[in-house]
Structure formats: structure tokens, C-alpha cells
Amino acid sequence: MDPWPLRDLVLRTPRLELRPDDDAGLFELVEVAKRGVHEPDRMPFVVPWTDRHPREWIQFYWMTRAMLGPADWTVNFLTRVDGRVIGMQGATGKDFAITREVHTGSWLGREFQGKGYGTEMRAAVVMFAFDYLGAELLTSGAFSDNKASHNVSRKLGYRQDGTNRIAIRGKLGIDVRLALTRERFVRPEWSVEVDGLDGCRGLLGLDPSAD
């Protein structure tokens, strides 16, 4: 039995390759983040991780990976173009076998923004969740002034599903919850290619015998 089957999981799109994080990729990801993820005068994340020391970024990903299990999992996919890490696309399921809900979050280095990569990597994970995991609901979130994230959500068919008021850097932030059903999903012209899922099913709370 493979002790860590996620190392074989890969999602492929026309331009991108998404693989669960590994140590070598994480250190490359940190270098991307250090070059900038957002404007210094705004914070687009509910958890203001870019204000913290890069050591804590690595520790967070290590902790998330170590705690992953069938009842509560987060897979942080390192997103690559031509073998180069450009950002991260996360997918989280809590009691997924029952809830059939996957929550996503992502970021790209500033140098890679504005090229459509954000839409492509989110669409890849949405298709993975609906078509391969059997999800019934995809959720995401973004502050009300995060136009880029909302544009991605709008393109794919998400709808607003409530708000939360959050203190961020000493100011009020309105975090908008977004939800997407299979029926509302605006599929791209391409389909995601998935390899290595079979060995991961039990780890993600799925029936290991299912195809």
C-alpha cells in the first residue's frame, strides 16, 4: 500500500499542470510569493498570510498536509506552466462523503496574473470535484473589492451565497461567499485530464473500489 498516494495525482489542462504540494515545489512556491502576490496597500486574503514570515508559509502547508485525512482534507495543488510553479489552487472537503461540498481557494504570483491562468486552474479543480469526486456543491469566497476573483467566479457560473464581516488589517472587509452547482457550471471548451486518483480515493473519503 502506497503511504502517500497523492504524489501520483495530477490534473492537466491545455496550459497547466496541477499536482499536490511537495517540498521542492513548496520552496519554489515561496519564491513566487516573495516576488509579490498583491499590491502592498491591500489584503485580499481572509488570513493575511503574506504579512507573515515566509517560514510560516512553509509551516502552514506542511501542517495542512500532515493533518489530511478522509474526514477533513485539503489538497493544495501546485500550479505549473511549462514546469514552472506560478501559484497554488487549493481544494478542501470536510466530511465529504456526506456533504459532497468542496471549498476552493487560490492565488497566483503577480507576474502570472491577467493571463487567464486563474480561471483555468479553478475550472480544473471544479471539473475534478464534480466529475471525478462526485461533488454536488463548490464554494469559494472573496472580499467584495477583489474584482479579479469575482470575475473568475462569474465566468464559471458561481452565484453569491451570503457575506461575512471580517476585520482585516484593522479595517472592515466584506467576505462574499460564492456557490456553484453542477447545473450552473459554465464549462470551458476543454476537459481536465486526471491521473493517479484511484489510490487517493480512501484518503479523500471516497469508496476506494469506485471507478
Protein backbone atom coordinates (compact mmCIF):
# COMPACT_ATOMS: atom_id res chain seq x y z
CA MET A 1 0.00 0.00 0.00
CA ASP A 2 1.38 3.40 -1.00
CA PRO A 3 1.81 5.55 2.15
CA TRP A 4 1.22 8.80 0.22
CA PRO A 5 -0.76 8.19 -3.00
CA LEU A 6 -1.33 11.91 -3.56
CA ARG A 7 2.17 12.13 -5.00
CA ASP A 8 0.81 10.41 -8.14
CA LEU A 9 -2.26 12.63 -8.55
CA VAL A 10 -2.12 15.14 -11.41
CA LEU A 11 -4.64 17.39 -13.18
CA ARG A 12 -3.83 18.69 -16.65
CA THR A 13 -5.42 21.49 -18.64
CA PRO A 14 -4.42 22.91 -22.04
CA ARG A 15 -1.74 25.10 -20.39
CA LEU A 16 -1.39 23.99 -16.78
CA GLU A 17 -0.36 21.06 -14.64
CA LEU A 18 -1.66 20.82 -11.07
CA ARG A 19 -0.05 18.44 -8.56
CA PRO A 20 -0.43 18.19 -4.76
CA ASP A 21 2.33 20.10 -2.98
CA ASP A 22 5.71 18.53 -2.32
CA ASP A 23 8.71 20.02 -0.54
CA ALA A 24 10.68 21.01 -3.63
CA GLY A 25 7.62 22.64 -5.15
CA LEU A 26 6.77 24.46 -1.93
CA PHE A 27 10.13 26.19 -1.81
CA GLU A 28 9.61 27.26 -5.41
CA LEU A 29 6.13 28.49 -4.46
CA VAL A 30 7.59 30.58 -1.63
CA GLU A 31 9.92 32.30 -4.08
CA VAL A 32 6.92 33.16 -6.25
CA ALA A 33 5.11 34.66 -3.24
CA LYS A 34 8.16 36.63 -2.15
CA ARG A 35 8.16 38.40 -5.53
CA GLY A 36 4.61 39.58 -4.84
CA VAL A 37 1.04 38.31 -4.84
CA HIS A 38 -0.94 41.56 -4.44
CA GLU A 39 -0.50 45.29 -4.05
CA PRO A 40 1.16 46.14 -0.71
CA ASP A 41 -1.65 48.51 0.30
CA ARG A 42 -4.43 45.89 0.11
CA MET A 43 -5.01 42.45 1.58
CA PRO A 44 -7.18 40.08 -0.48
CA PHE A 45 -6.96 37.13 1.93
CA VAL A 46 -9.13 36.43 4.98
CA VAL A 47 -5.99 35.08 6.65
CA PRO A 48 -3.34 37.75 5.92
CA TRP A 49 -0.57 35.23 5.35
CA THR A 50 1.51 37.46 3.09
CA ASP A 51 2.13 39.74 6.09
CA ARG A 52 3.89 36.87 7.87
CA HIS A 53 7.39 35.44 7.65
CA PRO A 54 7.95 33.03 4.70
CA ARG A 55 8.91 30.35 7.23
CA GLU A 56 5.28 30.38 8.41
CA TRP A 57 4.06 29.89 4.85
CA ILE A 58 6.02 26.65 4.58
CA GLN A 59 4.93 25.53 8.04
CA PHE A 60 1.27 26.09 7.13
CA TYR A 61 1.49 23.88 4.05
CA TRP A 62 3.37 21.20 5.98
CA MET A 63 0.76 21.27 8.74
CA THR A 64 -2.11 21.07 6.25
CA ARG A 65 -0.51 18.10 4.51
CA ALA A 66 0.20 16.30 7.81
CA MET A 67 -3.39 16.68 9.04
CA LEU A 68 -5.03 15.46 5.83
CA GLY A 69 -7.47 12.57 6.33
CA PRO A 70 -10.76 11.18 4.97
CA ALA A 71 -12.97 13.29 7.27
CA ASP A 72 -11.13 16.59 6.75
CA TRP A 73 -8.80 17.15 3.82
CA THR A 74 -7.20 19.99 1.95
CA VAL A 75 -5.20 19.30 -1.18
CA ASN A 76 -3.01 22.24 -2.18
CA PHE A 77 -2.25 21.83 -5.86
CA LEU A 78 0.92 23.50 -7.06
CA THR A 79 0.07 25.04 -10.42
CA ARG A 80 2.77 24.93 -13.09
CA VAL A 81 3.26 26.32 -16.59
CA ASP A 82 5.99 24.60 -18.61
CA GLY A 83 7.26 23.01 -15.38
CA ARG A 84 7.48 26.32 -13.52
CA VAL A 85 5.40 26.94 -10.36
CA ILE A 86 3.17 30.00 -10.76
CA GLY A 87 0.74 29.68 -7.84
CA MET A 88 -1.48 27.41 -5.77
CA GLN A 89 -5.02 26.05 -6.17
CA GLY A 90 -6.48 24.53 -3.02
CA ALA A 91 -9.47 22.24 -2.55
CA THR A 92 -10.99 21.38 0.84
CA GLY A 93 -13.55 18.77 1.83
CA LYS A 94 -14.94 18.28 5.33
CA ASP A 95 -16.97 15.11 5.87
CA PHE A 96 -17.04 15.00 2.08
CA ALA A 97 -18.60 11.53 1.90
CA ILE A 98 -21.71 13.12 3.47
CA THR A 99 -21.65 16.80 2.49
CA ARG A 100 -20.37 16.42 -1.08
CA GLU A 101 -19.11 20.01 -0.84
CA VAL A 102 -15.67 21.23 -1.88
CA HIS A 103 -14.35 24.67 -0.99
CA THR A 104 -11.63 26.23 -3.12
CA GLY A 105 -9.06 28.95 -2.64
CA SER A 106 -6.15 30.03 -4.79
CA TRP A 107 -3.50 32.60 -5.59
CA LEU A 108 -1.06 33.44 -8.37
CA GLY A 109 2.18 35.38 -8.35
CA ARG A 110 1.58 38.90 -9.67
CA GLU A 111 3.82 38.25 -12.67
CA PHE A 112 1.42 35.50 -13.79
CA GLN A 113 -1.86 37.35 -13.26
CA GLY A 114 -4.03 38.66 -16.07
CA LYS A 115 -3.28 35.72 -18.38
CA GLY A 116 -6.36 33.58 -17.69
CA TYR A 117 -4.46 31.11 -15.52
CA GLY A 118 -6.69 31.77 -12.51
CA THR A 119 -9.83 30.80 -14.42
CA GLU A 120 -8.14 27.75 -15.94
CA MET A 121 -6.86 26.34 -12.65
CA ARG A 122 -10.17 26.95 -10.84
CA ALA A 123 -12.08 25.30 -13.69
CA ALA A 124 -9.73 22.31 -13.49
CA VAL A 125 -10.47 21.76 -9.81
CA VAL A 126 -14.21 22.33 -10.31
CA MET A 127 -14.31 19.66 -13.03
CA PHE A 128 -12.19 17.37 -10.86
CA ALA A 129 -14.62 17.81 -7.95
CA PHE A 130 -17.83 17.40 -9.97
CA ASP A 131 -16.77 14.77 -12.50
CA TYR A 132 -14.27 12.66 -10.55
CA LEU A 133 -15.11 13.09 -6.87
CA GLY A 134 -18.88 13.32 -7.19
CA ALA A 135 -19.23 16.74 -5.52
CA GLU A 136 -22.64 18.39 -5.52
CA LEU A 137 -21.61 21.89 -4.46
CA LEU A 138 -18.48 24.01 -4.95
CA THR A 139 -17.95 27.05 -2.74
CA SER A 140 -15.41 29.83 -2.73
CA GLY A 141 -15.03 33.28 -1.21
CA ALA A 142 -13.53 36.67 -1.95
CA PHE A 143 -13.63 40.14 -0.47
CA SER A 144 -16.18 42.37 -2.18
CA ASP A 145 -13.43 44.51 -3.75
CA ASN A 146 -11.48 41.56 -5.20
CA LYS A 147 -12.59 42.08 -8.79
CA ALA A 148 -10.23 39.51 -10.32
CA SER A 149 -11.51 36.67 -8.14
CA HIS A 150 -15.14 37.66 -8.67
CA ASN A 151 -14.57 37.76 -12.43
CA VAL A 152 -13.28 34.17 -12.34
CA SER A 153 -16.29 33.06 -10.29
CA ARG A 154 -18.72 34.83 -12.59
CA LYS A 155 -17.23 33.23 -15.71
CA LEU A 156 -17.70 29.76 -14.22
CA GLY A 157 -21.29 30.30 -13.04
CA TYR A 158 -20.90 30.92 -9.28
CA ARG A 159 -23.59 32.93 -7.50
CA GLN A 160 -23.42 34.96 -4.30
CA ASP A 161 -24.44 32.93 -1.26
CA GLY A 162 -24.10 35.33 1.67
CA THR A 163 -21.47 37.57 3.29
CA ASN A 164 -19.33 37.77 6.41
CA ARG A 165 -17.97 40.92 8.04
CA ILE A 166 -14.29 40.49 8.87
CA ALA A 167 -11.66 42.70 10.49
CA ILE A 168 -8.61 42.76 8.23
CA ARG A 169 -5.58 44.95 8.91
CA GLY A 170 -7.70 46.99 11.30
CA LYS A 171 -10.39 47.68 8.72
CA LEU A 172 -13.73 46.14 7.75
CA GLY A 173 -13.73 43.58 4.96
CA ILE A 174 -16.86 42.08 3.42
CA ASP A 175 -16.14 38.47 2.58
CA VAL A 176 -18.54 37.24 -0.10
CA ARG A 177 -19.39 33.53 -0.14
CA LEU A 178 -19.91 32.10 -3.63
CA ALA A 179 -21.56 28.82 -4.56
CA LEU A 180 -21.70 26.72 -7.72
CA THR A 181 -23.89 23.73 -8.56
CA ARG A 182 -23.26 21.22 -11.30
CA GLU A 183 -26.19 22.61 -13.29
CA ARG A 184 -24.90 26.20 -13.21
CA PHE A 185 -21.30 25.35 -14.03
CA VAL A 186 -20.22 27.10 -17.25
CA ARG A 187 -17.83 24.54 -18.64
CA PRO A 188 -14.87 25.58 -20.76
CA GLU A 189 -14.34 24.09 -24.20
CA TRP A 190 -11.71 21.73 -22.82
CA SER A 191 -11.89 18.92 -20.24
CA VAL A 192 -9.46 18.30 -17.41
CA GLU A 193 -7.27 15.21 -17.61
CA VAL A 194 -6.84 13.36 -14.30
CA ASP A 195 -4.29 10.67 -13.49
CA GLY A 196 -3.46 8.91 -10.23
CA LEU A 197 -6.83 9.29 -8.50
CA ASP A 198 -7.54 5.62 -7.78
CA GLY A 199 -5.02 5.29 -4.98
CA CYS A 200 -6.25 8.52 -3.36
CA ARG A 201 -9.94 7.66 -3.05
CA GLY A 202 -9.85 6.35 0.50
CA LEU A 203 -7.73 9.28 1.66
CA LEU A 204 -10.36 11.70 0.29
CA GLY A 205 -13.28 9.94 1.94
CA LEU A 206 -14.42 8.11 -1.20
CA ASP A 207 -15.15 4.45 -1.82
CA PRO A 208 -11.75 3.00 -2.82
CA SER A 209 -13.47 0.44 -5.06
CA ALA A 210 -15.32 3.07 -7.12
CA ASP A 211 -14.17 3.83 -10.63
